[in-house]
Amino acid sequence: MNLDQTLSVVVIGAQGQMGQRFVSAFIQHGNSVTQLDHPLDMHIVAQAVPQAALVLLCVPITAMAEVVRAVAPYLGPQTILADICSVKVEPLNIMLEATTTPVVGTHPLFGPQTDT
């Protein structure tokens, strides 16, 4: 992946405080961002996810399994599936069981009210 190019990103949970932070940052850096929230619009999932370089899950851990099951069939072979949950074992296991695409478990070291 060429880091100089703009990327197509899907943010699920885009209306939450953390989702909004990531959406703003991706857009500020020139990336194309598809914003999804609950309930998932599966028509948009089917259009946007296969083309995405990154699908970022900004959802509560209680929604993780449902969301991953919904998007996993649409992931492209090189699409990175990442989450921002504060715990890692369960979200990583959920993602790894659902897909063979690259998976990244993150834990941002900032919160929604943190100044940039």
Protein backbone atom coordinates (compact mmCIF):
# COMPACT_ATOMS: atom_id res chain seq x y z
CA MET A 1 0.00 0.00 0.00
CA ASN A 2 1.39 3.37 -1.02
CA LEU A 3 1.11 5.70 1.96
CA ASP A 4 1.28 8.76 -0.29
CA GLN A 5 -2.05 7.96 -1.88
CA THR A 6 -5.43 8.81 -0.44
CA LEU A 7 -7.28 5.85 0.97
CA SER A 8 -10.85 4.74 1.04
CA VAL A 9 -11.85 4.28 4.67
CA VAL A 10 -15.06 2.97 6.22
CA VAL A 11 -15.74 4.06 9.80
CA ILE A 12 -18.45 2.09 11.58
CA GLY A 13 -19.68 3.91 14.65
CA ALA A 14 -18.99 7.20 12.91
CA GLN A 15 -21.56 9.15 14.92
CA GLY A 16 -20.00 8.30 18.28
CA GLN A 17 -17.46 10.62 19.84
CA MET A 18 -14.45 8.49 18.94
CA GLY A 19 -15.82 7.71 15.51
CA GLN A 20 -16.23 11.43 14.82
CA ARG A 21 -12.61 12.05 15.83
CA PHE A 22 -11.33 9.43 13.41
CA VAL A 23 -13.63 10.57 10.59
CA SER A 24 -12.35 14.14 10.98
CA ALA A 25 -8.72 13.03 11.00
CA PHE A 26 -9.10 10.83 7.91
CA ILE A 27 -10.90 13.58 5.99
CA GLN A 28 -8.35 16.20 7.10
CA HIS A 29 -5.63 14.02 5.55
CA GLY A 30 -7.48 13.76 2.24
CA ASN A 31 -8.96 10.29 2.56
CA SER A 32 -12.35 9.26 1.25
CA VAL A 33 -14.50 8.25 4.23
CA THR A 34 -17.76 6.32 4.28
CA GLN A 35 -19.53 6.86 7.59
CA LEU A 36 -21.80 4.16 8.98
CA ASP A 37 -23.61 3.85 12.26
CA HIS A 38 -26.34 1.81 13.91
CA PRO A 39 -28.37 0.42 12.30
CA LEU A 40 -25.98 -0.63 9.55
CA ASP A 41 -27.18 0.14 6.05
CA MET A 42 -26.22 -3.13 4.37
CA HIS A 43 -26.60 -1.60 0.91
CA ILE A 44 -23.84 0.90 1.76
CA VAL A 45 -21.78 -1.84 3.46
CA ALA A 46 -21.96 -3.91 0.25
CA GLN A 47 -20.83 -0.92 -1.85
CA ALA A 48 -18.15 0.63 0.36
CA VAL A 49 -16.46 -2.19 2.29
CA PRO A 50 -15.08 -4.17 -0.70
CA GLN A 51 -13.34 -1.01 -1.98
CA ALA A 52 -11.96 0.10 1.38
CA ALA A 53 -8.31 -0.02 2.39
CA LEU A 54 -9.41 0.19 6.04
CA VAL A 55 -12.59 -0.64 7.93
CA LEU A 56 -12.36 0.92 11.39
CA LEU A 57 -14.77 -0.36 14.03
CA CYS A 58 -15.60 2.37 16.56
CA VAL A 59 -18.33 0.38 18.26
CA PRO A 60 -18.88 -0.84 21.81
CA ILE A 61 -17.53 -4.30 22.57
CA THR A 62 -21.12 -5.47 23.03
CA ALA A 63 -21.77 -4.74 19.34
CA MET A 64 -18.47 -6.08 18.02
CA ALA A 65 -19.53 -9.63 17.08
CA GLU A 66 -22.70 -8.47 15.32
CA VAL A 67 -20.89 -5.78 13.34
CA VAL A 68 -17.98 -8.04 12.37
CA ARG A 69 -20.38 -10.76 11.18
CA ALA A 70 -22.18 -8.17 9.06
CA VAL A 71 -19.11 -6.70 7.35
CA ALA A 72 -16.78 -9.72 7.11
CA PRO A 73 -18.31 -11.18 3.92
CA TYR A 74 -17.67 -7.89 2.11
CA LEU A 75 -14.02 -7.36 3.10
CA GLY A 76 -11.54 -7.33 0.23
CA PRO A 77 -8.52 -9.63 0.53
CA GLN A 78 -6.21 -6.76 1.52
CA THR A 79 -8.70 -4.67 3.48
CA ILE A 80 -7.48 -3.99 7.01
CA LEU A 81 -10.12 -4.61 9.68
CA ALA A 82 -9.33 -2.66 12.85
CA ASP A 83 -11.04 -1.82 16.11
CA ILE A 84 -10.56 0.76 18.86
CA CYS A 85 -12.00 -1.17 21.82
CA SER A 86 -10.27 -0.63 25.13
CA VAL A 87 -9.90 -4.39 25.63
CA LYS A 88 -8.14 -6.51 23.06
CA VAL A 89 -8.52 -10.28 23.46
CA GLU A 90 -12.23 -10.63 22.70
CA PRO A 91 -12.36 -8.13 19.79
CA LEU A 92 -9.26 -9.65 18.19
CA ASN A 93 -10.65 -13.16 18.51
CA ILE A 94 -13.95 -12.06 16.98
CA MET A 95 -12.20 -10.43 14.02
CA LEU A 96 -9.70 -13.26 13.48
CA GLU A 97 -12.46 -15.88 13.52
CA ALA A 98 -14.51 -13.96 10.95
CA THR A 99 -11.92 -13.10 8.31
CA THR A 100 -8.54 -13.92 6.81
CA THR A 101 -7.91 -10.29 5.89
CA PRO A 102 -5.38 -8.27 7.91
CA VAL A 103 -6.66 -7.52 11.42
CA VAL A 104 -5.38 -4.80 13.75
CA GLY A 105 -6.45 -4.28 17.34
CA THR A 106 -5.76 -0.72 18.45
CA HIS A 107 -6.16 1.20 21.67
CA PRO A 108 -5.99 4.95 21.08
CA LEU A 109 -4.14 6.75 23.84
CA PHE A 110 -6.64 9.59 23.82
CA GLY A 111 -10.32 10.05 24.45
CA PRO A 112 -13.08 11.93 22.71
CA GLN A 113 -12.54 15.09 24.79
CA THR A 114 -8.74 15.14 24.39
CA ASP A 115 -7.42 18.30 22.76
CA THR A 116 -5.54 17.66 19.53
